Amino acid sequence: MFSIVRKVNTLKKIIGYCTTCFQVTCISCITETHQKHKVINIDEVENTFKNEHINRFNEQKENYKEMSKQIKDYFASLHNELHINEVSITRELDSHFNEKEDIYNINMLSFEELENELKSSKPDIKEKEITSPDIYSLNLKLQNNILDKYLNYLTKKILKLTYDYEEMTFKSLSPKLVISNHKKTVTFKPDLNSNHNVSFTEQSYDSGIHCLRLRIDKINQGGYWIFLGVTNKLNSVAPTRSPSLNYNFCTGISSFLQTLDSLNPATGNLKKDWVDGDIFSLILNCDEGTLKILKERTGEFELRTNVEKNTTTHFVVELCFSNNAVTILD
């Protein structure tokens, strides 16, 4: 059944619906305004949009099922790996204890024999040998930070479930820095003297949790540091920091003995023992106003709580030596 539309004081029949312009059409419109557009029968409009809605929802439903399966498979795999490690460590513990228990039982027999000889007034103590290794210490590899190793491993795995690693790239504030390797590596231009030069991520964030993973390609100690952190005052950050600029409007951590974060003095090995190849995860929580800095080699971390909440924030890297270099990891 045709509908009627009034246009320029003329009654015209609506004969279709343009899916390109999302409006009804008459015979004149089809030959003029909607040439080469996809026009469907007016009676098909409801089914067309209904089917599109169903298809889009079903697509999301399939994505949901796939993600649920991935999560289940991941934790099943993680559980199996943990169980294997549990069995291995327990077996090692049992082995060491059983060895000590055997020695203990042998010694107890020796004590009984000695006691019997003493009672018979025929002691020959010198000929009696009592096995006397240290049976009161298991001397397990377990004591050699093996639990810490698995704890660090699990920490990294669980952290990766909290957020997706995002595509991030560097941009330089200083003309002395070179951005290379598809904008993921920052270092000095050749033959330039050391100085404090700032680079930052092109991407900025004001909500949610975001992680930047960095590898220290090269670090020079002895007064020449690397600073990792964030800033929500990028327009105020100086390309080349000088002492008069205080902490250059950044919050984070420095490899030097004096951190660039005024509210957190330099303490702990996390700041002092950076080496080539170290990987750091900078985890920014915009909603809580925190920055967690994790050194993956040791599992140590520090937490900054003085980040402004829900403001436009960039990750920042500052280099202070001509050979220092840092790369963003995917």
C-alpha atoms as a PDB file:
ATOM      1  CA  MET A   1       0.000   0.000   0.000  1.00  0.00           C
ATOM      2  CA  PHE A   2       1.471   3.381  -1.080  1.00  0.00           C
ATOM      3  CA  SER A   3       1.901   6.323   1.289  1.00  0.00           C
ATOM      4  CA  ILE A   4       1.355   9.936   0.259  1.00  0.00           C
ATOM      5  CA  VAL A   5       3.875  12.797   0.674  1.00  0.00           C
ATOM      6  CA  ARG A   6       3.170  16.516   0.105  1.00  0.00           C
ATOM      7  CA  LYS A   7       6.012  18.314  -1.658  1.00  0.00           C
ATOM      8  CA  VAL A   8       5.812  21.815  -3.125  1.00  0.00           C
ATOM      9  CA  ASN A   9       2.037  21.746  -2.805  1.00  0.00           C
ATOM     10  CA  THR A  10       1.921  18.593  -4.932  1.00  0.00           C
ATOM     11  CA  LEU A  11       0.770  15.183  -3.725  1.00  0.00           C
ATOM     12  CA  LYS A  12       3.137  12.405  -4.739  1.00  0.00           C
ATOM     13  CA  LYS A  13       3.223   8.692  -4.004  1.00  0.00           C
ATOM     14  CA  ILE A  14       6.037   7.272  -1.840  1.00  0.00           C
ATOM     15  CA  ILE A  15       7.245   4.183  -3.659  1.00  0.00           C
ATOM     16  CA  GLY A  16      10.499   3.349  -1.867  1.00  0.00           C
ATOM     17  CA  TYR A  17      13.190   4.036   0.753  1.00  0.00           C
ATOM     18  CA  CYS A  18      16.727   5.186  -0.102  1.00  0.00           C
ATOM     19  CA  THR A  19      19.240   3.255   2.017  1.00  0.00           C
ATOM     20  CA  THR A  20      21.987   5.712   1.030  1.00  0.00           C
ATOM     21  CA  CYS A  21      20.217   8.891   2.140  1.00  0.00           C
ATOM     22  CA  PHE A  22      17.953   7.210   4.743  1.00  0.00           C
ATOM     23  CA  GLN A  23      14.742   8.821   3.509  1.00  0.00           C
ATOM     24  CA  VAL A  24      11.580   7.906   1.626  1.00  0.00           C
ATOM     25  CA  THR A  25      11.415   8.515  -2.134  1.00  0.00           C
ATOM     26  CA  CYS A  26       8.806   9.178  -4.776  1.00  0.00           C
ATOM     27  CA  ILE A  27       9.033   8.456  -8.491  1.00  0.00           C
ATOM     28  CA  SER A  28      10.493  11.924  -9.171  1.00  0.00           C
ATOM     29  CA  CYS A  29      13.150  11.550  -6.475  1.00  0.00           C
ATOM     30  CA  ILE A  30      14.395   8.262  -7.890  1.00  0.00           C
ATOM     31  CA  THR A  31      15.018   9.760 -11.296  1.00  0.00           C
ATOM     32  CA  GLU A  32      16.518  12.988  -9.919  1.00  0.00           C
ATOM     33  CA  THR A  33      17.965  13.151  -6.390  1.00  0.00           C
ATOM     34  CA  HIS A  34      18.547   9.419  -5.801  1.00  0.00           C
ATOM     35  CA  GLN A  35      20.017   8.278  -9.086  1.00  0.00           C
ATOM     36  CA  LYS A  36      22.259   5.224  -8.658  1.00  0.00           C
ATOM     37  CA  HIS A  37      21.283   4.938  -4.984  1.00  0.00           C
ATOM     38  CA  LYS A  38      20.020   1.689  -3.514  1.00  0.00           C
ATOM     39  CA  VAL A  39      16.255   2.052  -3.136  1.00  0.00           C
ATOM     40  CA  ILE A  40      14.164  -0.694  -1.575  1.00  0.00           C
ATOM     41  CA  ASN A  41      10.436  -1.270  -1.449  1.00  0.00           C
ATOM     42  CA  ILE A  42       8.770   0.611   1.384  1.00  0.00           C
ATOM     43  CA  ASP A  43       7.407  -2.677   2.712  1.00  0.00           C
ATOM     44  CA  GLU A  44      10.966  -4.037   3.082  1.00  0.00           C
ATOM     45  CA  VAL A  45      12.258  -1.236   5.300  1.00  0.00           C
ATOM     46  CA  GLU A  46      11.368  -2.825   8.593  1.00  0.00           C
ATOM     47  CA  ASN A  47      12.860  -6.211   7.718  1.00  0.00           C
ATOM     48  CA  THR A  48      16.020  -4.632   6.295  1.00  0.00           C
ATOM     49  CA  PHE A  49      16.855  -2.671   9.437  1.00  0.00           C
ATOM     50  CA  LYS A  50      15.680  -5.469  11.681  1.00  0.00           C
ATOM     51  CA  ASN A  51      17.958  -7.983   9.940  1.00  0.00           C
ATOM     52  CA  GLU A  52      20.873  -5.569  10.073  1.00  0.00           C
ATOM     53  CA  HIS A  53      20.338  -5.121  13.801  1.00  0.00           C
ATOM     54  CA  ILE A  54      20.151  -8.896  14.329  1.00  0.00           C
ATOM     55  CA  ASN A  55      23.307  -9.510  12.280  1.00  0.00           C
ATOM     56  CA  ARG A  56      25.303  -6.866  14.119  1.00  0.00           C
ATOM     57  CA  PHE A  57      24.248  -8.224  17.499  1.00  0.00           C
ATOM     58  CA  ASN A  58      25.038 -11.803  16.447  1.00  0.00           C
ATOM     59  CA  GLU A  59      28.482 -10.650  15.386  1.00  0.00           C
ATOM     60  CA  GLN A  60      29.062  -9.146  18.840  1.00  0.00           C
ATOM     61  CA  LYS A  61      27.733 -12.345  20.397  1.00  0.00           C
ATOM     62  CA  GLU A  62      30.299 -14.395  18.482  1.00  0.00           C
ATOM     63  CA  ASN A  63      33.045 -12.022  19.581  1.00  0.00           C
ATOM     64  CA  TYR A  64      31.880 -12.425  23.168  1.00  0.00           C
ATOM     65  CA  LYS A  65      31.970 -16.228  22.887  1.00  0.00           C
ATOM     66  CA  GLU A  66      35.455 -16.128  21.371  1.00  0.00           C
ATOM     67  CA  MET A  67      36.788 -13.813  24.083  1.00  0.00           C
ATOM     68  CA  SER A  68      35.228 -15.971  26.816  1.00  0.00           C
ATOM     69  CA  LYS A  69      36.884 -19.042  25.313  1.00  0.00           C
ATOM     70  CA  GLN A  70      40.255 -17.278  25.142  1.00  0.00           C
ATOM     71  CA  ILE A  71      40.011 -16.300  28.825  1.00  0.00           C
ATOM     72  CA  LYS A  72      39.070 -19.851  29.869  1.00  0.00           C
ATOM     73  CA  ASP A  73      41.833 -21.384  27.742  1.00  0.00           C
ATOM     74  CA  TYR A  74      44.368 -18.894  29.074  1.00  0.00           C
ATOM     75  CA  PHE A  75      43.620 -19.582  32.731  1.00  0.00           C
ATOM     76  CA  ALA A  76      43.423 -23.335  32.101  1.00  0.00           C
ATOM     77  CA  SER A  77      46.886 -23.155  30.537  1.00  0.00           C
ATOM     78  CA  LEU A  78      48.163 -21.029  33.401  1.00  0.00           C
ATOM     79  CA  HIS A  79      46.690 -23.451  35.952  1.00  0.00           C
ATOM     80  CA  ASN A  80      48.338 -26.424  34.209  1.00  0.00           C
ATOM     81  CA  GLU A  81      51.680 -24.651  34.168  1.00  0.00           C
ATOM     82  CA  LEU A  82      51.353 -23.787  37.857  1.00  0.00           C
ATOM     83  CA  HIS A  83      50.441 -27.399  38.664  1.00  0.00           C
ATOM     84  CA  ILE A  84      53.511 -28.683  36.815  1.00  0.00           C
ATOM     85  CA  ASN A  85      55.704 -26.274  38.756  1.00  0.00           C
ATOM     86  CA  GLU A  86      53.982 -27.255  42.012  1.00  0.00           C
ATOM     87  CA  VAL A  87      54.607 -30.975  41.381  1.00  0.00           C
ATOM     88  CA  SER A  88      58.235 -30.341  40.430  1.00  0.00           C
ATOM     89  CA  ILE A  89      59.021 -28.214  43.498  1.00  0.00           C
ATOM     90  CA  THR A  90      57.144 -30.579  45.833  1.00  0.00           C
ATOM     91  CA  ARG A  91      59.016 -33.579  44.403  1.00  0.00           C
ATOM     92  CA  GLU A  92      62.317 -31.826  44.990  1.00  0.00           C
ATOM     93  CA  LEU A  93      61.306 -30.967  48.557  1.00  0.00           C
ATOM     94  CA  ASP A  94      60.220 -34.562  49.225  1.00  0.00           C
ATOM     95  CA  SER A  95      63.505 -35.895  47.856  1.00  0.00           C
ATOM     96  CA  HIS A  96      65.601 -33.684  50.099  1.00  0.00           C
ATOM     97  CA  PHE A  97      63.497 -34.465  53.157  1.00  0.00           C
ATOM     98  CA  ASN A  98      63.554 -38.229  52.523  1.00  0.00           C
ATOM     99  CA  GLU A  99      67.336 -38.109  52.275  1.00  0.00           C
ATOM    100  CA  LYS A 100      67.569 -36.316  55.624  1.00  0.00           C
ATOM    101  CA  GLU A 101      65.049 -38.727  57.155  1.00  0.00           C
ATOM    102  CA  ASP A 102      67.152 -41.738  56.089  1.00  0.00           C
ATOM    103  CA  ILE A 103      70.213 -40.206  57.747  1.00  0.00           C
ATOM    104  CA  TYR A 104      68.168 -39.482  60.850  1.00  0.00           C
ATOM    105  CA  ASN A 105      66.981 -43.117  61.090  1.00  0.00           C
ATOM    106  CA  ILE A 106      70.515 -44.433  60.665  1.00  0.00           C
ATOM    107  CA  ASN A 107      71.736 -42.164  63.436  1.00  0.00           C
ATOM    108  CA  MET A 108      68.945 -43.285  65.742  1.00  0.00           C
ATOM    109  CA  LEU A 109      70.014 -46.921  65.257  1.00  0.00           C
ATOM    110  CA  SER A 110      73.580 -45.942  66.073  1.00  0.00           C
ATOM    111  CA  PHE A 111      72.385 -44.277  69.258  1.00  0.00           C
ATOM    112  CA  GLU A 112      70.519 -47.435  70.265  1.00  0.00           C
ATOM    113  CA  GLU A 113      73.588 -49.601  69.635  1.00  0.00           C
ATOM    114  CA  LEU A 114      75.724 -47.212  71.658  1.00  0.00           C
ATOM    115  CA  GLU A 115      73.255 -47.258  74.500  1.00  0.00           C
ATOM    116  CA  ASN A 116      73.212 -51.068  74.538  1.00  0.00           C
ATOM    117  CA  GLU A 117      76.996 -51.235  74.624  1.00  0.00           C
ATOM    118  CA  LEU A 118      77.162 -48.712  77.427  1.00  0.00           C
ATOM    119  CA  LYS A 119      74.734 -50.792  79.445  1.00  0.00           C
ATOM    120  CA  SER A 120      76.811 -53.901  78.856  1.00  0.00           C
ATOM    121  CA  SER A 121      79.920 -52.047  80.173  1.00  0.00           C
ATOM    122  CA  LYS A 122      81.726 -52.652  76.922  1.00  0.00           C
ATOM    123  CA  PRO A 123      81.777 -49.239  75.389  1.00  0.00           C
ATOM    124  CA  ASP A 124      83.837 -48.733  72.301  1.00  0.00           C
ATOM    125  CA  ILE A 125      82.717 -45.240  71.473  1.00  0.00           C
ATOM    126  CA  LYS A 126      85.668 -44.434  69.229  1.00  0.00           C
ATOM    127  CA  GLU A 127      84.608 -47.092  66.772  1.00  0.00           C
ATOM    128  CA  LYS A 128      81.122 -45.708  66.563  1.00  0.00           C
ATOM    129  CA  GLU A 129      80.526 -43.344  63.686  1.00  0.00           C
ATOM    130  CA  ILE A 130      77.404 -41.253  63.650  1.00  0.00           C
ATOM    131  CA  THR A 131      76.560 -39.713  60.325  1.00  0.00           C
ATOM    132  CA  SER A 132      76.490 -36.010  61.005  1.00  0.00           C
ATOM    133  CA  PRO A 133      75.824 -33.900  57.953  1.00  0.00           C
ATOM    134  CA  ASP A 134      73.509 -30.960  58.406  1.00  0.00           C
ATOM    135  CA  ILE A 135      70.201 -32.770  58.521  1.00  0.00           C
ATOM    136  CA  TYR A 136      68.424 -29.727  59.885  1.00  0.00           C
ATOM    137  CA  SER A 137      68.632 -27.724  56.675  1.00  0.00           C
ATOM    138  CA  LEU A 138      67.018 -28.866  53.455  1.00  0.00           C
ATOM    139  CA  ASN A 139      69.300 -26.729  51.278  1.00  0.00           C
ATOM    140  CA  LEU A 140      66.708 -26.599  48.555  1.00  0.00           C
ATOM    141  CA  LYS A 141      66.868 -24.585  45.394  1.00  0.00           C
ATOM    142  CA  LEU A 142      63.532 -23.454  46.749  1.00  0.00           C
ATOM    143  CA  GLN A 143      65.479 -21.123  48.996  1.00  0.00           C
ATOM    144  CA  ASN A 144      67.203 -19.583  45.987  1.00  0.00           C
ATOM    145  CA  ASN A 145      64.351 -17.210  45.130  1.00  0.00           C
ATOM    146  CA  ILE A 146      62.500 -19.866  43.146  1.00  0.00           C
ATOM    147  CA  LEU A 147      59.155 -18.758  44.592  1.00  0.00           C
ATOM    148  CA  ASP A 148      59.985 -15.136  43.768  1.00  0.00           C
ATOM    149  CA  LYS A 149      60.706 -16.184  40.189  1.00  0.00           C
ATOM    150  CA  TYR A 150      57.277 -17.769  39.764  1.00  0.00           C
ATOM    151  CA  LEU A 151      55.614 -14.873  41.570  1.00  0.00           C
ATOM    152  CA  ASN A 152      57.219 -12.418  39.128  1.00  0.00           C
ATOM    153  CA  TYR A 153      56.148 -14.634  36.231  1.00  0.00           C
ATOM    154  CA  LEU A 154      52.546 -14.677  37.435  1.00  0.00           C
ATOM    155  CA  THR A 155      52.578 -10.940  38.120  1.00  0.00           C
ATOM    156  CA  LYS A 156      53.510 -10.238  34.495  1.00  0.00           C
ATOM    157  CA  LYS A 157      50.858 -12.651  33.192  1.00  0.00           C
ATOM    158  CA  ILE A 158      48.076 -11.219  35.356  1.00  0.00           C
ATOM    159  CA  LEU A 159      49.064  -7.611  34.612  1.00  0.00           C
ATOM    160  CA  LYS A 160      48.612  -8.283  30.898  1.00  0.00           C
ATOM    161  CA  LEU A 161      44.976  -9.205  31.539  1.00  0.00           C
ATOM    162  CA  THR A 162      44.279  -5.815  33.108  1.00  0.00           C
ATOM    163  CA  TYR A 163      44.785  -3.859  29.921  1.00  0.00           C
ATOM    164  CA  ASP A 164      45.685  -4.273  26.291  1.00  0.00           C
ATOM    165  CA  TYR A 165      49.115  -3.151  25.185  1.00  0.00           C
ATOM    166  CA  GLU A 166      48.446  -0.268  22.833  1.00  0.00           C
ATOM    167  CA  GLU A 167      50.296   0.978  19.787  1.00  0.00           C
ATOM    168  CA  MET A 168      52.432   3.881  21.005  1.00  0.00           C
ATOM    169  CA  THR A 169      55.016   6.005  19.212  1.00  0.00           C
ATOM    170  CA  PHE A 170      57.576   8.616  20.254  1.00  0.00           C
ATOM    171  CA  LYS A 171      57.739  12.275  19.381  1.00  0.00           C
ATOM    172  CA  SER A 172      60.627  14.548  20.380  1.00  0.00           C
ATOM    173  CA  LEU A 173      60.536  17.909  22.094  1.00  0.00           C
ATOM    174  CA  SER A 174      64.282  18.349  21.573  1.00  0.00           C
ATOM    175  CA  PRO A 175      66.055  18.798  18.210  1.00  0.00           C
ATOM    176  CA  LYS A 176      68.987  16.797  19.608  1.00  0.00           C
ATOM    177  CA  LEU A 177      67.011  13.535  19.713  1.00  0.00           C
ATOM    178  CA  VAL A 178      66.466  11.035  16.904  1.00  0.00           C
ATOM    179  CA  ILE A 179      63.211   9.079  16.671  1.00  0.00           C
ATOM    180  CA  SER A 180      63.634   5.908  14.607  1.00  0.00           C
ATOM    181  CA  ASN A 181      62.496   2.290  14.221  1.00  0.00           C
ATOM    182  CA  HIS A 182      58.951   3.259  13.172  1.00  0.00           C
ATOM    183  CA  LYS A 183      58.897   5.983  15.858  1.00  0.00           C
ATOM    184  CA  LYS A 184      59.593   3.465  18.633  1.00  0.00           C
ATOM    185  CA  THR A 185      63.264   4.164  19.456  1.00  0.00           C
ATOM    186  CA  VAL A 186      64.640   7.405  20.858  1.00  0.00           C
ATOM    187  CA  THR A 187      68.369   8.257  21.040  1.00  0.00           C
ATOM    188  CA  PHE A 188      70.747  11.190  20.526  1.00  0.00           C
ATOM    189  CA  LYS A 189      71.936  12.545  17.221  1.00  0.00           C
ATOM    190  CA  PRO A 190      75.596  11.574  16.629  1.00  0.00           C
ATOM    191  CA  ASP A 191      78.404  13.748  18.049  1.00  0.00           C
ATOM    192  CA  LEU A 192      76.215  15.743  20.423  1.00  0.00           C
ATOM    193  CA  ASN A 193      77.199  16.496  23.990  1.00  0.00           C
ATOM    194  CA  SER A 194      75.194  15.149  26.885  1.00  0.00           C
ATOM    195  CA  ASN A 195      72.191  17.111  28.026  1.00  0.00           C
ATOM    196  CA  HIS A 196      68.661  16.586  29.347  1.00  0.00           C
ATOM    197  CA  ASN A 197      66.447  16.040  26.312  1.00  0.00           C
ATOM    198  CA  VAL A 198      62.767  15.154  26.462  1.00  0.00           C
ATOM    199  CA  SER A 199      60.610  12.941  24.233  1.00  0.00           C
ATOM    200  CA  PHE A 200      57.015  11.847  24.748  1.00  0.00           C
ATOM    201  CA  THR A 201      54.370   9.520  23.335  1.00  0.00           C
ATOM    202  CA  GLU A 202      52.261  10.984  20.555  1.00  0.00           C
ATOM    203  CA  GLN A 203      49.250   9.302  22.166  1.00  0.00           C
ATOM    204  CA  SER A 204      47.647  10.866  25.245  1.00  0.00           C
ATOM    205  CA  TYR A 205      45.149   9.498  27.754  1.00  0.00           C
ATOM    206  CA  ASP A 206      42.598  10.932  30.177  1.00  0.00           C
ATOM    207  CA  SER A 207      40.689   7.842  31.362  1.00  0.00           C
ATOM    208  CA  GLY A 208      41.184   4.123  31.883  1.00  0.00           C
ATOM    209  CA  ILE A 209      44.363   2.091  32.425  1.00  0.00           C
ATOM    210  CA  HIS A 210      47.222   2.255  29.918  1.00  0.00           C
ATOM    211  CA  CYS A 211      50.615   0.551  29.811  1.00  0.00           C
ATOM    212  CA  LEU A 212      53.853   1.579  28.107  1.00  0.00           C
ATOM    213  CA  ARG A 213      56.558  -1.141  27.969  1.00  0.00           C
ATOM    214  CA  LEU A 214      60.081   0.122  27.355  1.00  0.00           C
ATOM    215  CA  ARG A 215      63.435  -1.575  26.834  1.00  0.00           C
ATOM    216  CA  ILE A 216      66.606   0.190  27.937  1.00  0.00           C
ATOM    217  CA  ASP A 217      68.807  -0.363  24.889  1.00  0.00           C
ATOM    218  CA  LYS A 218      71.772   1.541  26.315  1.00  0.00           C
ATOM    219  CA  ILE A 219      72.329   3.303  29.611  1.00  0.00           C
ATOM    220  CA  ASN A 220      75.402   5.152  30.885  1.00  0.00           C
ATOM    221  CA  GLN A 221      75.807   5.425  34.622  1.00  0.00           C
ATOM    222  CA  GLY A 222      77.830   7.949  36.606  1.00  0.00           C
ATOM    223  CA  GLY A 223      75.692  11.056  36.479  1.00  0.00           C
ATOM    224  CA  TYR A 224      74.024  10.415  33.105  1.00  0.00           C
ATOM    225  CA  TRP A 225      70.540   9.124  33.602  1.00  0.00           C
ATOM    226  CA  ILE A 226      67.318   8.052  31.928  1.00  0.00           C
ATOM    227  CA  PHE A 227      63.996   9.312  33.278  1.00  0.00           C
ATOM    228  CA  LEU A 228      60.697   7.475  32.687  1.00  0.00           C
ATOM    229  CA  GLY A 229      57.348   8.936  33.660  1.00  0.00           C
ATOM    230  CA  VAL A 230      54.279  10.937  32.658  1.00  0.00           C
ATOM    231  CA  THR A 231      53.195  14.541  32.353  1.00  0.00           C
ATOM    232  CA  ASN A 232      49.831  16.273  32.076  1.00  0.00           C
ATOM    233  CA  LYS A 233      51.466  19.621  31.397  1.00  0.00           C
ATOM    234  CA  LEU A 234      53.165  18.904  28.088  1.00  0.00           C
ATOM    235  CA  ASN A 235      52.954  22.557  27.009  1.00  0.00           C
ATOM    236  CA  SER A 236      55.016  23.507  30.055  1.00  0.00           C
ATOM    237  CA  VAL A 237      57.686  20.798  29.696  1.00  0.00           C
ATOM    238  CA  ALA A 238      60.980  22.257  28.455  1.00  0.00           C
ATOM    239  CA  PRO A 239      62.681  20.403  25.564  1.00  0.00           C
ATOM    240  CA  THR A 240      65.989  20.655  27.428  1.00  0.00           C
ATOM    241  CA  ARG A 241      65.659  20.639  31.188  1.00  0.00           C
ATOM    242  CA  SER A 242      67.866  22.875  33.284  1.00  0.00           C
ATOM    243  CA  PRO A 243      68.232  22.941  37.094  1.00  0.00           C
ATOM    244  CA  SER A 244      66.048  26.034  37.315  1.00  0.00           C
ATOM    245  CA  LEU A 245      63.129  24.085  35.847  1.00  0.00           C
ATOM    246  CA  ASN A 246      62.962  21.905  38.943  1.00  0.00           C
ATOM    247  CA  TYR A 247      61.278  18.604  37.954  1.00  0.00           C
ATOM    248  CA  ASN A 248      60.043  19.815  34.550  1.00  0.00           C
ATOM    249  CA  PHE A 249      56.354  19.126  35.332  1.00  0.00           C
ATOM    250  CA  CYS A 250      56.885  15.343  35.172  1.00  0.00           C
ATOM    251  CA  THR A 251      56.127  12.480  37.559  1.00  0.00           C
ATOM    252  CA  GLY A 252      58.104   9.256  37.341  1.00  0.00           C
ATOM    253  CA  ILE A 253      61.432   7.616  38.091  1.00  0.00           C
ATOM    254  CA  SER A 254      65.085   8.222  37.282  1.00  0.00           C
ATOM    255  CA  SER A 255      68.047   5.840  37.035  1.00  0.00           C
ATOM    256  CA  PHE A 256      70.195   8.446  38.791  1.00  0.00           C
ATOM    257  CA  LEU A 257      70.493   8.675  42.567  1.00  0.00           C
ATOM    258  CA  GLN A 258      68.210  11.713  42.610  1.00  0.00           C
ATOM    259  CA  THR A 259      64.792  10.995  41.187  1.00  0.00           C
ATOM    260  CA  LEU A 260      63.038  13.665  39.148  1.00  0.00           C
ATOM    261  CA  ASP A 261      59.901  13.200  41.255  1.00  0.00           C
ATOM    262  CA  SER A 262      60.052  15.671  44.137  1.00  0.00           C
ATOM    263  CA  LEU A 263      57.491  13.808  46.247  1.00  0.00           C
ATOM    264  CA  ASN A 264      59.405  10.515  46.088  1.00  0.00           C
ATOM    265  CA  PRO A 265      63.093  10.704  47.092  1.00  0.00           C
ATOM    266  CA  ALA A 266      65.584   8.265  45.557  1.00  0.00           C
ATOM    267  CA  THR A 267      65.536   5.040  47.552  1.00  0.00           C
ATOM    268  CA  GLY A 268      65.790   1.353  46.676  1.00  0.00           C
ATOM    269  CA  ASN A 269      67.500  -0.634  43.959  1.00  0.00           C
ATOM    270  CA  LEU A 270      64.745   0.098  41.461  1.00  0.00           C
ATOM    271  CA  LYS A 271      66.427   3.431  40.728  1.00  0.00           C
ATOM    272  CA  LYS A 272      70.080   2.434  41.011  1.00  0.00           C
ATOM    273  CA  ASP A 273      70.793  -0.809  39.175  1.00  0.00           C
ATOM    274  CA  TRP A 274      69.393  -0.220  35.703  1.00  0.00           C
ATOM    275  CA  VAL A 275      71.317  -2.149  33.034  1.00  0.00           C
ATOM    276  CA  ASP A 276      71.237  -2.554  29.260  1.00  0.00           C
ATOM    277  CA  GLY A 277      68.275  -4.740  28.299  1.00  0.00           C
ATOM    278  CA  ASP A 278      66.137  -3.897  31.332  1.00  0.00           C
ATOM    279  CA  ILE A 279      62.408  -3.767  30.545  1.00  0.00           C
ATOM    280  CA  PHE A 280      60.075  -1.421  32.409  1.00  0.00           C
ATOM    281  CA  SER A 281      56.266  -1.325  32.395  1.00  0.00           C
ATOM    282  CA  LEU A 282      54.726   2.084  33.126  1.00  0.00           C
ATOM    283  CA  ILE A 283      51.089   1.511  34.099  1.00  0.00           C
ATOM    284  CA  LEU A 284      49.021   4.702  34.141  1.00  0.00           C
ATOM    285  CA  ASN A 285      45.623   4.667  35.865  1.00  0.00           C
ATOM    286  CA  CYS A 286      43.975   7.909  34.806  1.00  0.00           C
ATOM    287  CA  ASP A 287      40.889   7.351  36.954  1.00  0.00           C
ATOM    288  CA  GLU A 288      42.849   6.767  40.181  1.00  0.00           C
ATOM    289  CA  GLY A 289      45.673   9.216  39.423  1.00  0.00           C
ATOM    290  CA  THR A 290      48.468   6.670  39.843  1.00  0.00           C
ATOM    291  CA  LEU A 291      51.558   5.549  37.936  1.00  0.00           C
ATOM    292  CA  LYS A 292      52.973   2.089  38.683  1.00  0.00           C
ATOM    293  CA  ILE A 293      56.548   1.495  37.499  1.00  0.00           C
ATOM    294  CA  LEU A 294      57.507  -2.196  37.244  1.00  0.00           C
ATOM    295  CA  LYS A 295      61.020  -3.481  36.549  1.00  0.00           C
ATOM    296  CA  GLU A 296      60.331  -6.834  34.900  1.00  0.00           C
ATOM    297  CA  ARG A 297      63.799  -8.309  35.517  1.00  0.00           C
ATOM    298  CA  THR A 298      63.379  -8.232  39.290  1.00  0.00           C
ATOM    299  CA  GLY A 299      59.633  -7.871  39.770  1.00  0.00           C
ATOM    300  CA  GLU A 300      60.183  -4.734  41.865  1.00  0.00           C
ATOM    301  CA  PHE A 301      57.784  -1.849  41.439  1.00  0.00           C
ATOM    302  CA  GLU A 302      57.135   1.648  42.718  1.00  0.00           C
ATOM    303  CA  LEU A 303      53.848   3.538  42.833  1.00  0.00           C
ATOM    304  CA  ARG A 304      53.378   7.246  42.192  1.00  0.00           C
ATOM    305  CA  THR A 305      50.122   8.637  43.579  1.00  0.00           C
ATOM    306  CA  ASN A 306      50.553  12.295  42.593  1.00  0.00           C
ATOM    307  CA  VAL A 307      49.294  12.058  38.999  1.00  0.00           C
ATOM    308  CA  GLU A 308      46.299  14.315  38.317  1.00  0.00           C
ATOM    309  CA  LYS A 309      43.158  12.306  37.633  1.00  0.00           C
ATOM    310  CA  ASN A 310      41.397  12.334  34.257  1.00  0.00           C
ATOM    311  CA  THR A 311      43.552  14.983  32.600  1.00  0.00           C
ATOM    312  CA  THR A 312      45.289  14.687  29.240  1.00  0.00           C
ATOM    313  CA  THR A 313      48.476  12.771  30.070  1.00  0.00           C
ATOM    314  CA  HIS A 314      51.478  11.687  27.967  1.00  0.00           C
ATOM    315  CA  PHE A 315      54.202   9.174  28.779  1.00  0.00           C
ATOM    316  CA  VAL A 316      57.609  10.901  28.900  1.00  0.00           C
ATOM    317  CA  VAL A 317      61.224   9.744  28.405  1.00  0.00           C
ATOM    318  CA  GLU A 318      64.219  11.969  29.169  1.00  0.00           C
ATOM    319  CA  LEU A 319      67.760  11.054  28.072  1.00  0.00           C
ATOM    320  CA  CYS A 320      70.925  12.556  29.520  1.00  0.00           C
ATOM    321  CA  PHE A 321      73.837  11.082  27.549  1.00  0.00           C
ATOM    322  CA  SER A 322      74.785  10.789  23.893  1.00  0.00           C
ATOM    323  CA  ASN A 323      74.701   6.965  23.899  1.00  0.00           C
ATOM    324  CA  ASN A 324      71.526   6.442  25.925  1.00  0.00           C
ATOM    325  CA  ALA A 325      68.682   4.816  23.977  1.00  0.00           C
ATOM    326  CA  VAL A 326      65.183   3.499  24.745  1.00  0.00           C
ATOM    327  CA  THR A 327      62.706   1.471  22.625  1.00  0.00           C
ATOM    328  CA  ILE A 328      58.934   1.006  22.955  1.00  0.00           C
ATOM    329  CA  LEU A 329      57.955  -2.685  22.987  1.00  0.00           C
ATOM    330  CA  ASP A 330      54.714  -4.030  21.492  1.00  0.00           C
END
